C-alpha cells in the first residue's frame, strides 16, 4: 500500500474514534463509527488476494447491518422519549437494540 494512503487510513481511524468518543448525539456517534468502518476496509483488503477482498466485503456487510440497527435503536429511542442524546437512553427496546448493535460492531462472542 502506498505510504500516503496508509497515513490517510490511519489518520481517518483516529478521527473516527475521536468523533465517536466525544459525541453526545447519536448521529455524530454513528458518523464516527462509519468513518472507522470505511477507513479499515483498505487496510483489510491490502494484499490483493481474493480471500482478502472477500473478508473486506463480509466485514462491510456486517458493519452496515450493525449501523442500521444502531440507527434504528436511536430512532426508536427518539420516538419514545423525544431525545436524541446518548445519555437519555431509557426505553428498554432501544437499550436492547443498541446493546446488540454495539456487540456486533465490536465483534463480541456470539457475533464474531
PDB file of N, CA and C in Angstrom:
ATOM      1  N   UNK A   1       0.836  -1.168   0.000  1.00  0.00           N
ATOM      2  CA  UNK A   1       0.000   0.000   0.000  1.00  0.00           C
ATOM      3  C   UNK A   1       0.889   1.242   0.000  1.00  0.00           C
ATOM      4  N   UNK A   2       0.444   2.230  -0.695  1.00  0.00           N
ATOM      5  CA  UNK A   2       1.138   3.497  -0.787  1.00  0.00           C
ATOM      6  C   UNK A   2       1.273   4.127   0.609  1.00  0.00           C
ATOM      7  N   UNK A   3       2.420   4.671   0.966  1.00  0.00           N
ATOM      8  CA  UNK A   3       2.577   5.247   2.311  1.00  0.00           C
ATOM      9  C   UNK A   3       1.604   6.395   2.600  1.00  0.00           C
ATOM     10  N   UNK A   4       1.299   7.204   1.581  1.00  0.00           N
ATOM     11  CA  UNK A   4       0.341   8.290   1.790  1.00  0.00           C
ATOM     12  C   UNK A   4      -1.066   7.744   2.047  1.00  0.00           C
ATOM     13  N   UNK A   5      -1.442   6.697   1.329  1.00  0.00           N
ATOM     14  CA  UNK A   5      -2.757   6.091   1.533  1.00  0.00           C
ATOM     15  C   UNK A   5      -2.858   5.440   2.905  1.00  0.00           C
ATOM     16  N   UNK A   6      -1.778   4.821   3.332  1.00  0.00           N
ATOM     17  CA  UNK A   6      -1.760   4.217   4.663  1.00  0.00           C
ATOM     18  C   UNK A   6      -1.867   5.286   5.743  1.00  0.00           C
ATOM     19  N   UNK A   7      -1.187   6.412   5.566  1.00  0.00           N
ATOM     20  CA  UNK A   7      -1.262   7.517   6.514  1.00  0.00           C
ATOM     21  C   UNK A   7      -2.676   8.085   6.579  1.00  0.00           C
ATOM     22  N   UNK A   8      -3.319   8.229   5.434  1.00  0.00           N
ATOM     23  CA  UNK A   8      -4.692   8.734   5.404  1.00  0.00           C
ATOM     24  C   UNK A   8      -5.633   7.757   6.091  1.00  0.00           C
ATOM     25  N   UNK A   9      -5.457   6.469   5.862  1.00  0.00           N
ATOM     26  CA  UNK A   9      -6.319   5.474   6.511  1.00  0.00           C
ATOM     27  C   UNK A   9      -6.148   5.488   8.022  1.00  0.00           C
ATOM     28  N   UNK A  10      -4.937   5.557   8.491  1.00  0.00           N
ATOM     29  CA  UNK A  10      -4.691   5.558   9.933  1.00  0.00           C
ATOM     30  C   UNK A  10      -5.183   6.857  10.573  1.00  0.00           C
ATOM     31  N   UNK A  11      -4.990   7.983   9.888  1.00  0.00           N
ATOM     32  CA  UNK A  11      -5.496   9.241  10.446  1.00  0.00           C
ATOM     33  C   UNK A  11      -7.019   9.270  10.428  1.00  0.00           C
ATOM     34  N   UNK A  12      -7.643   8.637   9.443  1.00  0.00           N
ATOM     35  CA  UNK A  12      -9.104   8.531   9.427  1.00  0.00           C
ATOM     36  C   UNK A  12      -9.604   7.657  10.569  1.00  0.00           C
ATOM     37  N   UNK A  13      -8.869   6.603  10.890  1.00  0.00           N
ATOM     38  CA  UNK A  13      -9.229   5.777  12.047  1.00  0.00           C
ATOM     39  C   UNK A  13      -9.176   6.597  13.334  1.00  0.00           C
ATOM     40  N   UNK A  14      -8.136   7.390  13.495  1.00  0.00           N
ATOM     41  CA  UNK A  14      -8.026   8.229  14.683  1.00  0.00           C
ATOM     42  C   UNK A  14      -9.130   9.287  14.724  1.00  0.00           C
ATOM     43  N   UNK A  15      -9.461   9.871  13.584  1.00  0.00           N
ATOM     44  CA  UNK A  15     -10.524  10.865  13.514  1.00  0.00           C
ATOM     45  C   UNK A  15     -11.876  10.255  13.866  1.00  0.00           C
ATOM     46  N   UNK A  16     -12.182   9.093  13.299  1.00  0.00           N
ATOM     47  CA  UNK A  16     -13.451   8.429  13.591  1.00  0.00           C
ATOM     48  C   UNK A  16     -13.581   8.039  15.047  1.00  0.00           C
ATOM     49  N   UNK A  17     -12.496   7.555  15.640  1.00  0.00           N
ATOM     50  CA  UNK A  17     -12.517   7.192  17.056  1.00  0.00           C
ATOM     51  C   UNK A  17     -12.725   8.419  17.925  1.00  0.00           C
ATOM     52  N   UNK A  18     -12.066   9.508  17.586  1.00  0.00           N
ATOM     53  CA  UNK A  18     -12.216  10.747  18.353  1.00  0.00           C
ATOM     54  C   UNK A  18     -13.636  11.284  18.263  1.00  0.00           C
ATOM     55  N   UNK A  19     -14.221  11.256  17.078  1.00  0.00           N
ATOM     56  CA  UNK A  19     -15.592  11.730  16.897  1.00  0.00           C
ATOM     57  C   UNK A  19     -16.556  10.867  17.702  1.00  0.00           C
ATOM     58  N   UNK A  20     -16.365   9.549  17.660  1.00  0.00           N
ATOM     59  CA  UNK A  20     -17.270   8.652  18.374  1.00  0.00           C
ATOM     60  C   UNK A  20     -17.180   8.854  19.881  1.00  0.00           C
ATOM     61  N   UNK A  21     -15.988   8.973  20.403  1.00  0.00           N
ATOM     62  CA  UNK A  21     -15.811   9.112  21.848  1.00  0.00           C
ATOM     63  C   UNK A  21     -16.335  10.458  22.346  1.00  0.00           C
ATOM     64  N   UNK A  22     -16.159  11.512  21.589  1.00  0.00           N
ATOM     65  CA  UNK A  22     -16.521  12.843  22.065  1.00  0.00           C
ATOM     66  C   UNK A  22     -17.948  13.265  21.734  1.00  0.00           C
ATOM     67  N   UNK A  23     -18.725  12.416  21.104  1.00  0.00           N
ATOM     68  CA  UNK A  23     -20.069  12.831  20.693  1.00  0.00           C
ATOM     69  C   UNK A  23     -21.077  12.659  21.820  1.00  0.00           C
ATOM     70  N   UNK A  24     -22.070  13.539  21.806  1.00  0.00           N
ATOM     71  CA  UNK A  24     -23.180  13.434  22.743  1.00  0.00           C
ATOM     72  C   UNK A  24     -24.492  13.241  21.999  1.00  0.00           C
ATOM     73  N   UNK A  25     -24.431  13.110  20.700  1.00  0.00           N
ATOM     74  CA  UNK A  25     -25.603  12.936  19.847  1.00  0.00           C
ATOM     75  C   UNK A  25     -25.438  11.642  19.061  1.00  0.00           C
ATOM     76  N   UNK A  26     -26.527  10.928  18.859  1.00  0.00           N
ATOM     77  CA  UNK A  26     -26.462   9.624  18.191  1.00  0.00           C
ATOM     78  C   UNK A  26     -25.945   9.716  16.763  1.00  0.00           C
ATOM     79  N   UNK A  27     -26.298  10.758  16.053  1.00  0.00           N
ATOM     80  CA  UNK A  27     -25.859  10.862  14.658  1.00  0.00           C
ATOM     81  C   UNK A  27     -24.340  11.092  14.557  1.00  0.00           C
ATOM     82  N   UNK A  28     -23.781  11.826  15.479  1.00  0.00           N
ATOM     83  CA  UNK A  28     -22.329  12.026  15.455  1.00  0.00           C
ATOM     84  C   UNK A  28     -21.591  10.738  15.841  1.00  0.00           C
ATOM     85  N   UNK A  29     -22.142  10.002  16.789  1.00  0.00           N
ATOM     86  CA  UNK A  29     -21.524   8.717  17.145  1.00  0.00           C
ATOM     87  C   UNK A  29     -21.576   7.768  15.958  1.00  0.00           C
ATOM     88  N   UNK A  30     -22.696   7.756  15.252  1.00  0.00           N
ATOM     89  CA  UNK A  30     -22.835   6.905  14.068  1.00  0.00           C
ATOM     90  C   UNK A  30     -21.859   7.345  12.982  1.00  0.00           C
ATOM     91  N   UNK A  31     -21.692   8.644  12.814  1.00  0.00           N
ATOM     92  CA  UNK A  31     -20.754   9.154  11.801  1.00  0.00           C
ATOM     93  C   UNK A  31     -19.326   8.700  12.101  1.00  0.00           C
ATOM     94  N   UNK A  32     -18.929   8.779  13.349  1.00  0.00           N
ATOM     95  CA  UNK A  32     -17.590   8.323  13.722  1.00  0.00           C
ATOM     96  C   UNK A  32     -17.399   6.837  13.489  1.00  0.00           C
ATOM     97  N   UNK A  33     -18.419   6.039  13.801  1.00  0.00           N
ATOM     98  CA  UNK A  33     -18.326   4.596  13.558  1.00  0.00           C
ATOM     99  C   UNK A  33     -18.232   4.280  12.070  1.00  0.00           C
ATOM    100  N   UNK A  34     -18.949   5.033  11.256  1.00  0.00           N
ATOM    101  CA  UNK A  34     -18.883   4.807   9.807  1.00  0.00           C
ATOM    102  C   UNK A  34     -17.536   5.235   9.232  1.00  0.00           C
ATOM    103  N   UNK A  35     -16.957   6.293   9.758  1.00  0.00           N
ATOM    104  CA  UNK A  35     -15.620   6.694   9.308  1.00  0.00           C
ATOM    105  C   UNK A  35     -14.627   5.582   9.635  1.00  0.00           C
ATOM    106  N   UNK A  36     -14.756   4.982  10.813  1.00  0.00           N
ATOM    107  CA  UNK A  36     -13.873   3.865  11.169  1.00  0.00           C
ATOM    108  C   UNK A  36     -14.069   2.680  10.237  1.00  0.00           C
ATOM    109  N   UNK A  37     -15.321   2.368   9.920  1.00  0.00           N
ATOM    110  CA  UNK A  37     -15.588   1.238   9.024  1.00  0.00           C
ATOM    111  C   UNK A  37     -14.971   1.472   7.647  1.00  0.00           C
ATOM    112  N   UNK A  38     -15.156   2.664   7.114  1.00  0.00           N
ATOM    113  CA  UNK A  38     -14.629   2.951   5.776  1.00  0.00           C
ATOM    114  C   UNK A  38     -13.107   3.102   5.775  1.00  0.00           C
ATOM    115  N   UNK A  39     -12.524   3.460   6.912  1.00  0.00           N
ATOM    116  CA  UNK A  39     -11.065   3.602   6.963  1.00  0.00           C
ATOM    117  C   UNK A  39     -10.365   2.252   7.088  1.00  0.00           C
ATOM    118  N   UNK A  40     -11.015   1.270   7.698  1.00  0.00           N
ATOM    119  CA  UNK A  40     -10.363  -0.022   7.912  1.00  0.00           C
ATOM    120  C   UNK A  40     -10.459  -0.918   6.663  1.00  0.00           C
ATOM    121  N   UNK A  41     -11.409  -0.660   5.787  1.00  0.00           N
ATOM    122  CA  UNK A  41     -11.583  -1.519   4.606  1.00  0.00           C
ATOM    123  C   UNK A  41     -10.346  -1.590   3.708  1.00  0.00           C
ATOM    124  N   UNK A  42      -9.677  -0.476   3.383  1.00  0.00           N
ATOM    125  CA  UNK A  42      -8.455  -0.615   2.566  1.00  0.00           C
ATOM    126  C   UNK A  42      -7.347  -1.369   3.282  1.00  0.00           C
ATOM    127  N   UNK A  43      -7.302  -1.260   4.607  1.00  0.00           N
ATOM    128  CA  UNK A  43      -6.267  -1.985   5.340  1.00  0.00           C
ATOM    129  C   UNK A  43      -6.543  -3.490   5.351  1.00  0.00           C
ATOM    130  N   UNK A  44      -7.829  -3.877   5.373  1.00  0.00           N
ATOM    131  CA  UNK A  44      -8.171  -5.301   5.328  1.00  0.00           C
ATOM    132  C   UNK A  44      -7.866  -5.884   3.959  1.00  0.00           C
ATOM    133  N   UNK A  45      -8.213  -5.146   2.906  1.00  0.00           N
ATOM    134  CA  UNK A  45      -8.041  -5.675   1.549  1.00  0.00           C
ATOM    135  C   UNK A  45      -6.699  -5.299   0.933  1.00  0.00           C
ATOM    136  N   UNK A  46      -5.723  -4.941   1.744  1.00  0.00           N
ATOM    137  CA  UNK A  46      -4.422  -4.515   1.248  1.00  0.00           C
ATOM    138  C   UNK A  46      -3.714  -5.590   0.423  1.00  0.00           C
ATOM    139  N   UNK A  47      -3.496  -6.801   0.905  1.00  0.00           N
ATOM    140  CA  UNK A  47      -2.913  -7.786  -0.014  1.00  0.00           C
ATOM    141  C   UNK A  47      -3.989  -8.180  -1.026  1.00  0.00           C
ATOM    142  N   UNK A  48      -3.788  -7.826  -2.276  1.00  0.00           N
ATOM    143  CA  UNK A  48      -4.827  -8.029  -3.289  1.00  0.00           C
ATOM    144  C   UNK A  48      -4.969  -9.509  -3.610  1.00  0.00           C
ATOM    145  N   UNK A  49      -5.618 -10.177  -2.689  1.00  0.00           N
ATOM    146  CA  UNK A  49      -5.880 -11.606  -2.795  1.00  0.00           C
ATOM    147  C   UNK A  49      -7.392 -11.789  -2.710  1.00  0.00           C
ATOM    148  N   UNK A  50      -7.948 -12.773  -3.429  1.00  0.00           N
ATOM    149  CA  UNK A  50      -9.408 -12.944  -3.377  1.00  0.00           C
ATOM    150  C   UNK A  50      -9.961 -13.149  -1.969  1.00  0.00           C
ATOM    151  N   UNK A  51      -9.224 -13.806  -1.101  1.00  0.00           N
ATOM    152  CA  UNK A  51      -9.712 -14.006   0.268  1.00  0.00           C
ATOM    153  C   UNK A  51      -9.726 -12.701   1.054  1.00  0.00           C
ATOM    154  N   UNK A  52      -8.765 -11.829   0.807  1.00  0.00           N
ATOM    155  CA  UNK A  52      -8.748 -10.536   1.486  1.00  0.00           C
ATOM    156  C   UNK A  52      -9.922  -9.672   1.026  1.00  0.00           C
ATOM    157  N   UNK A  53     -10.210  -9.707  -0.262  1.00  0.00           N
ATOM    158  CA  UNK A  53     -11.352  -8.953  -0.789  1.00  0.00           C
ATOM    159  C   UNK A  53     -12.657  -9.520  -0.234  1.00  0.00           C
ATOM    160  N   UNK A  54     -12.751 -10.836  -0.139  1.00  0.00           N
ATOM    161  CA  UNK A  54     -13.942 -11.473   0.425  1.00  0.00           C
ATOM    162  C   UNK A  54     -14.115 -11.101   1.896  1.00  0.00           C
ATOM    163  N   UNK A  55     -13.026 -11.087   2.644  1.00  0.00           N
ATOM    164  CA  UNK A  55     -13.089 -10.711   4.060  1.00  0.00           C
ATOM    165  C   UNK A  55     -13.528  -9.255   4.212  1.00  0.00           C
ATOM    166  N   UNK A  56     -13.014  -8.378   3.363  1.00  0.00           N
ATOM    167  CA  UNK A  56     -13.406  -6.967   3.431  1.00  0.00           C
ATOM    168  C   UNK A  56     -14.878  -6.786   3.085  1.00  0.00           C
ATOM    169  N   UNK A  57     -15.367  -7.534   2.112  1.00  0.00           N
ATOM    170  CA  UNK A  57     -16.780  -7.449   1.739  1.00  0.00           C
ATOM    171  C   UNK A  57     -17.677  -7.945   2.864  1.00  0.00           C
ATOM    172  N   UNK A  58     -17.311  -9.068   3.474  1.00  0.00           N
ATOM    173  CA  UNK A  58     -18.097  -9.583   4.601  1.00  0.00           C
ATOM    174  C   UNK A  58     -18.067  -8.620   5.772  1.00  0.00           C
ATOM    175  N   UNK A  59     -16.913  -8.052   6.057  1.00  0.00           N
ATOM    176  CA  UNK A  59     -16.793  -7.083   7.141  1.00  0.00           C
ATOM    177  C   UNK A  59     -17.694  -5.883   6.882  1.00  0.00           C
ATOM    178  N   UNK A  60     -17.687  -5.388   5.654  1.00  0.00           N
ATOM    179  CA  UNK A  60     -18.512  -4.232   5.306  1.00  0.00           C
ATOM    180  C   UNK A  60     -19.992  -4.547   5.466  1.00  0.00           C
ATOM    181  N   UNK A  61     -20.437  -5.697   5.018  1.00  0.00           N
ATOM    182  CA  UNK A  61     -21.857  -6.043   5.113  1.00  0.00           C
ATOM    183  C   UNK A  61     -22.312  -6.190   6.561  1.00  0.00           C
ATOM    184  N   UNK A  62     -21.506  -6.827   7.385  1.00  0.00           N
ATOM    185  CA  UNK A  62     -21.860  -6.984   8.804  1.00  0.00           C
ATOM    186  C   UNK A  62     -21.881  -5.630   9.500  1.00  0.00           C
ATOM    187  N   UNK A  63     -20.901  -4.777   9.217  1.00  0.00           N
ATOM    188  CA  UNK A  63     -20.860  -3.462   9.849  1.00  0.00           C
ATOM    189  C   UNK A  63     -21.997  -2.570   9.374  1.00  0.00           C
ATOM    190  N   UNK A  64     -22.395  -2.706   8.118  1.00  0.00           N
ATOM    191  CA  UNK A  64     -23.537  -1.929   7.610  1.00  0.00           C
ATOM    192  C   UNK A  64     -24.834  -2.366   8.286  1.00  0.00           C
ATOM    193  N   UNK A  65     -24.992  -3.673   8.503  1.00  0.00           N
ATOM    194  CA  UNK A  65     -26.181  -4.153   9.210  1.00  0.00           C
ATOM    195  C   UNK A  65     -26.194  -3.662  10.657  1.00  0.00           C
ATOM    196  N   UNK A  66     -25.049  -3.664  11.316  1.00  0.00           N
ATOM    197  CA  UNK A  66     -24.970  -3.168  12.698  1.00  0.00           C
ATOM    198  C   UNK A  66     -25.230  -1.662  12.752  1.00  0.00           C
ATOM    199  N   UNK A  67     -24.763  -0.922  11.767  1.00  0.00           N
ATOM    200  CA  UNK A  67     -25.031   0.519  11.730  1.00  0.00           C
ATOM    201  C   UNK A  67     -26.511   0.794  11.526  1.00  0.00           C
ATOM    202  N   UNK A  68     -27.145   0.001  10.706  1.00  0.00           N
ATOM    203  CA  UNK A  68     -28.589   0.143  10.512  1.00  0.00           C
ATOM    204  C   UNK A  68     -29.331  -0.131  11.811  1.00  0.00           C
ATOM    205  N   UNK A  69     -28.919  -1.153  12.522  1.00  0.00           N
ATOM    206  CA  UNK A  69     -29.533  -1.476  13.809  1.00  0.00           C
ATOM    207  C   UNK A  69     -29.296  -0.354  14.825  1.00  0.00           C
ATOM    208  N   UNK A  70     -28.121   0.243  14.805  1.00  0.00           N
ATOM    209  CA  UNK A  70     -27.830   1.353  15.707  1.00  0.00           C
ATOM    210  C   UNK A  70     -28.703   2.560  15.391  1.00  0.00           C
ATOM    211  N   UNK A  71     -28.869   2.887  14.117  1.00  0.00           N
ATOM    212  CA  UNK A  71     -29.732   3.997  13.738  1.00  0.00           C
ATOM    213  C   UNK A  71     -31.189   3.707  14.088  1.00  0.00           C
ATOM    214  N   UNK A  72     -31.608   2.459  13.925  1.00  0.00           N
ATOM    215  CA  UNK A  72     -32.984   2.093  14.276  1.00  0.00           C
ATOM    216  C   UNK A  72     -33.211   2.221  15.771  1.00  0.00           C
ATOM    217  N   UNK A  73     -32.225   1.817  16.574  1.00  0.00           N
ATOM    218  CA  UNK A  73     -32.390   1.923  18.028  1.00  0.00           C
ATOM    219  C   UNK A  73     -32.425   3.381  18.470  1.00  0.00           C
ATOM    220  N   UNK A  74     -31.598   4.222  17.865  1.00  0.00           N
ATOM    221  CA  UNK A  74     -31.627   5.644  18.248  1.00  0.00           C
ATOM    222  C   UNK A  74     -32.914   6.312  17.788  1.00  0.00           C
ATOM    223  N   UNK A  75     -33.438   5.925  16.634  1.00  0.00           N
ATOM    224  CA  UNK A  75     -34.713   6.463  16.173  1.00  0.00           C
ATOM    225  C   UNK A  75     -35.855   5.994  17.067  1.00  0.00           C
ATOM    226  N   UNK A  76     -35.816   4.732  17.480  1.00  0.00           N
ATOM    227  CA  UNK A  76     -36.830   4.213  18.398  1.00  0.00           C
ATOM    228  C   UNK A  76     -36.769   4.936  19.736  1.00  0.00           C
ATOM    229  N   UNK A  77     -35.573   5.195  20.218  1.00  0.00           N
ATOM    230  CA  UNK A  77     -35.421   5.934  21.461  1.00  0.00           C
ATOM    231  C   UNK A  77     -35.966   7.351  21.318  1.00  0.00           C
ATOM    232  N   UNK A  78     -35.699   7.996  20.193  1.00  0.00           N
ATOM    233  CA  UNK A  78     -36.216   9.346  19.966  1.00  0.00           C
ATOM    234  C   UNK A  78     -37.735   9.334  19.844  1.00  0.00           C
ATOM    235  N   UNK A  79     -38.287   8.285  19.288  1.00  0.00           N
ATOM    236  CA  UNK A  79     -39.741   8.173  19.170  1.00  0.00           C
ATOM    237  C   UNK A  79     -40.396   8.064  20.539  1.00  0.00           C
ATOM    238  N   UNK A  80     -39.827   7.246  21.421  1.00  0.00           N
ATOM    239  CA  UNK A  80     -40.437   7.024  22.728  1.00  0.00           C
ATOM    240  C   UNK A  80     -40.121   8.116  23.746  1.00  0.00           C
ATOM    241  N   UNK A  81     -38.918   8.670  23.708  1.00  0.00           N
ATOM    242  CA  UNK A  81     -38.528   9.648  24.732  1.00  0.00           C
ATOM    243  C   UNK A  81     -38.476  11.081  24.218  1.00  0.00           C
ATOM    244  N   UNK A  82     -38.357  11.280  22.918  1.00  0.00           N
ATOM    245  CA  UNK A  82     -38.250  12.622  22.366  1.00  0.00           C
ATOM    246  C   UNK A  82     -36.853  13.206  22.469  1.00  0.00           C
ATOM    247  N   UNK A  83     -35.855  12.410  22.822  1.00  0.00           N
ATOM    248  CA  UNK A  83     -34.475  12.879  22.997  1.00  0.00           C
ATOM    249  C   UNK A  83     -33.531  12.118  22.071  1.00  0.00           C
ATOM    250  N   UNK A  84     -32.574  12.837  21.500  1.00  0.00           N
ATOM    251  CA  UNK A  84     -31.542  12.219  20.676  1.00  0.00           C
ATOM    252  C   UNK A  84     -30.222  12.114  21.417  1.00  0.00           C
ATOM    253  N   UNK A  85     -30.184  12.519  22.667  1.00  0.00           N
ATOM    254  CA  UNK A  85     -28.946  12.472  23.439  1.00  0.00           C
ATOM    255  C   UNK A  85     -28.583  11.036  23.784  1.00  0.00           C
ATOM    256  N   UNK A  86     -27.295  10.766  23.843  1.00  0.00           N
ATOM    257  CA  UNK A  86     -26.809   9.434  24.199  1.00  0.00           C
ATOM    258  C   UNK A  86     -27.132   9.120  25.657  1.00  0.00           C
ATOM    259  N   UNK A  87     -27.134  10.134  26.487  1.00  0.00           N
ATOM    260  CA  UNK A  87     -27.368   9.913  27.918  1.00  0.00           C
ATOM    261  C   UNK A  87     -28.829   9.647  28.251  1.00  0.00           C
ATOM    262  N   UNK A  88     -29.744   9.859  27.324  1.00  0.00           N
ATOM    263  CA  UNK A  88     -31.172   9.687  27.587  1.00  0.00           C
ATOM    264  C   UNK A  88     -31.710   8.377  27.019  1.00  0.00           C
ATOM    265  N   UNK A  89     -30.959   7.310  27.123  1.00  0.00           N
ATOM    266  CA  UNK A  89     -31.394   6.002  26.632  1.00  0.00           C
ATOM    267  C   UNK A  89     -32.141   5.297  27.760  1.00  0.00           C
ATOM    268  N   UNK A  90     -33.466   5.446  27.784  1.00  0.00           N
ATOM    269  CA  UNK A  90     -34.241   4.896  28.890  1.00  0.00           C
ATOM    270  C   UNK A  90     -35.236   3.833  28.466  1.00  0.00           C
ATOM    271  N   UNK A  91     -35.595   3.769  27.198  1.00  0.00           N
ATOM    272  CA  UNK A  91     -36.580   2.787  26.759  1.00  0.00           C
ATOM    273  C   UNK A  91     -35.918   1.415  26.630  1.00  0.00           C
ATOM    274  N   UNK A  92     -36.547   0.345  27.172  1.00  0.00           N
ATOM    275  CA  UNK A  92     -35.893  -0.970  27.174  1.00  0.00           C
ATOM    276  C   UNK A  92     -35.655  -1.546  25.778  1.00  0.00           C
ATOM    277  N   UNK A  93     -36.578  -1.323  24.850  1.00  0.00           N
ATOM    278  CA  UNK A  93     -36.384  -1.844  23.489  1.00  0.00           C
ATOM    279  C   UNK A  93     -35.197  -1.175  22.824  1.00  0.00           C
ATOM    280  N   UNK A  94     -35.099   0.122  22.973  1.00  0.00           N
ATOM    281  CA  UNK A  94     -33.963   0.854  22.399  1.00  0.00           C
ATOM    282  C   UNK A  94     -32.654   0.416  23.018  1.00  0.00           C
ATOM    283  N   UNK A  95     -32.674   0.187  24.312  1.00  0.00           N
ATOM    284  CA  UNK A  95     -31.459  -0.243  25.017  1.00  0.00           C
ATOM    285  C   UNK A  95     -31.011  -1.622  24.530  1.00  0.00           C
ATOM    286  N   UNK A  96     -31.954  -2.533  24.341  1.00  0.00           N
ATOM    287  CA  UNK A  96     -31.623  -3.875  23.853  1.00  0.00           C
ATOM    288  C   UNK A  96     -31.081  -3.823  22.423  1.00  0.00           C
ATOM    289  N   UNK A  97     -31.720  -3.036  21.564  1.00  0.00           N
ATOM    290  CA  UNK A  97     -31.244  -2.912  20.187  1.00  0.00           C
ATOM    291  C   UNK A  97     -29.867  -2.264  20.116  1.00  0.00           C
ATOM    292  N   UNK A  98     -29.648  -1.252  20.948  1.00  0.00           N
ATOM    293  CA  UNK A  98     -28.341  -0.604  20.949  1.00  0.00           C
ATOM    294  C   UNK A  98     -27.260  -1.543  21.460  1.00  0.00           C
ATOM    295  N   UNK A  99     -27.573  -2.308  22.488  1.00  0.00           N
ATOM    296  CA  UNK A  99     -26.596  -3.260  23.011  1.00  0.00           C
ATOM    297  C   UNK A  99     -26.236  -4.305  21.955  1.00  0.00           C
ATOM    298  N   UNK A 100     -27.235  -4.763  21.222  1.00  0.00           N
ATOM    299  CA  UNK A 100     -26.983  -5.725  20.146  1.00  0.00           C
ATOM    300  C   UNK A 100     -26.140  -5.099  19.039  1.00  0.00           C
ATOM    301  N   UNK A 101     -26.457  -3.870  18.651  1.00  0.00           N
ATOM    302  CA  UNK A 101     -25.703  -3.201  17.580  1.00  0.00           C
ATOM    303  C   UNK A 101     -24.249  -2.976  17.974  1.00  0.00           C
ATOM    304  N   UNK A 102     -24.021  -2.532  19.201  1.00  0.00           N
ATOM    305  CA  UNK A 102     -22.647  -2.307  19.658  1.00  0.00           C
ATOM    306  C   UNK A 102     -21.900  -3.632  19.775  1.00  0.00           C
ATOM    307  N   UNK A 103     -22.597  -4.687  20.190  1.00  0.00           N
ATOM    308  CA  UNK A 103     -21.963  -6.005  20.282  1.00  0.00           C
ATOM    309  C   UNK A 103     -21.528  -6.503  18.910  1.00  0.00           C
ATOM    310  N   UNK A 104     -22.366  -6.294  17.907  1.00  0.00           N
ATOM    311  CA  UNK A 104     -21.996  -6.697  16.544  1.00  0.00           C
ATOM    312  C   UNK A 104     -20.825  -5.852  16.049  1.00  0.00           C
ATOM    313  N   UNK A 105     -20.858  -4.558  16.300  1.00  0.00           N
ATOM    314  CA  UNK A 105     -19.765  -3.686  15.848  1.00  0.00           C
ATOM    315  C   UNK A 105     -18.442  -4.037  16.518  1.00  0.00           C
ATOM    316  N   UNK A 106     -18.507  -4.443  17.794  1.00  0.00           N
ATOM    317  CA  UNK A 106     -17.281  -4.827  18.493  1.00  0.00           C
ATOM    318  C   UNK A 106     -16.848  -6.255  18.194  1.00  0.00           C
ATOM    319  N   UNK A 107     -17.753  -7.057  17.651  1.00  0.00           N
ATOM    320  CA  UNK A 107     -17.431  -8.447  17.363  1.00  0.00           C
ATOM    321  C   UNK A 107     -17.367  -9.306  18.616  1.00  0.00           C
ATOM    322  N   UNK A 108     -18.285  -9.051  19.554  1.00  0.00           N
ATOM    323  CA  UNK A 108     -18.304  -9.832  20.777  1.00  0.00           C
ATOM    324  C   UNK A 108     -18.699 -11.274  20.487  1.00  0.00           C
ATOM    325  N   UNK A 109     -18.606 -12.132  21.472  1.00  0.00           N
ATOM    326  CA  UNK A 109     -18.607 -13.577  21.303  1.00  0.00           C
ATOM    327  C   UNK A 109     -19.727 -14.138  20.418  1.00  0.00           C
ATOM    328  N   UNK A 110     -21.002 -13.885  20.633  1.00  0.00           N
ATOM    329  CA  UNK A 110     -21.923 -14.550  19.708  1.00  0.00           C
ATOM    330  C   UNK A 110     -21.906 -13.976  18.307  1.00  0.00           C
ATOM    331  N   UNK A 111     -21.313 -12.824  18.121  1.00  0.00           N
ATOM    332  CA  UNK A 111     -21.347 -12.148  16.819  1.00  0.00           C
ATOM    333  C   UNK A 111     -20.011 -12.190  16.079  1.00  0.00           C
ATOM    334  N   UNK A 112     -19.020 -12.871  16.607  1.00  0.00           N
ATOM    335  CA  UNK A 112     -17.723 -12.869  15.934  1.00  0.00           C
ATOM    336  C   UNK A 112     -17.740 -13.854  14.790  1.00  0.00           C
TER     337      UNK A 112
END
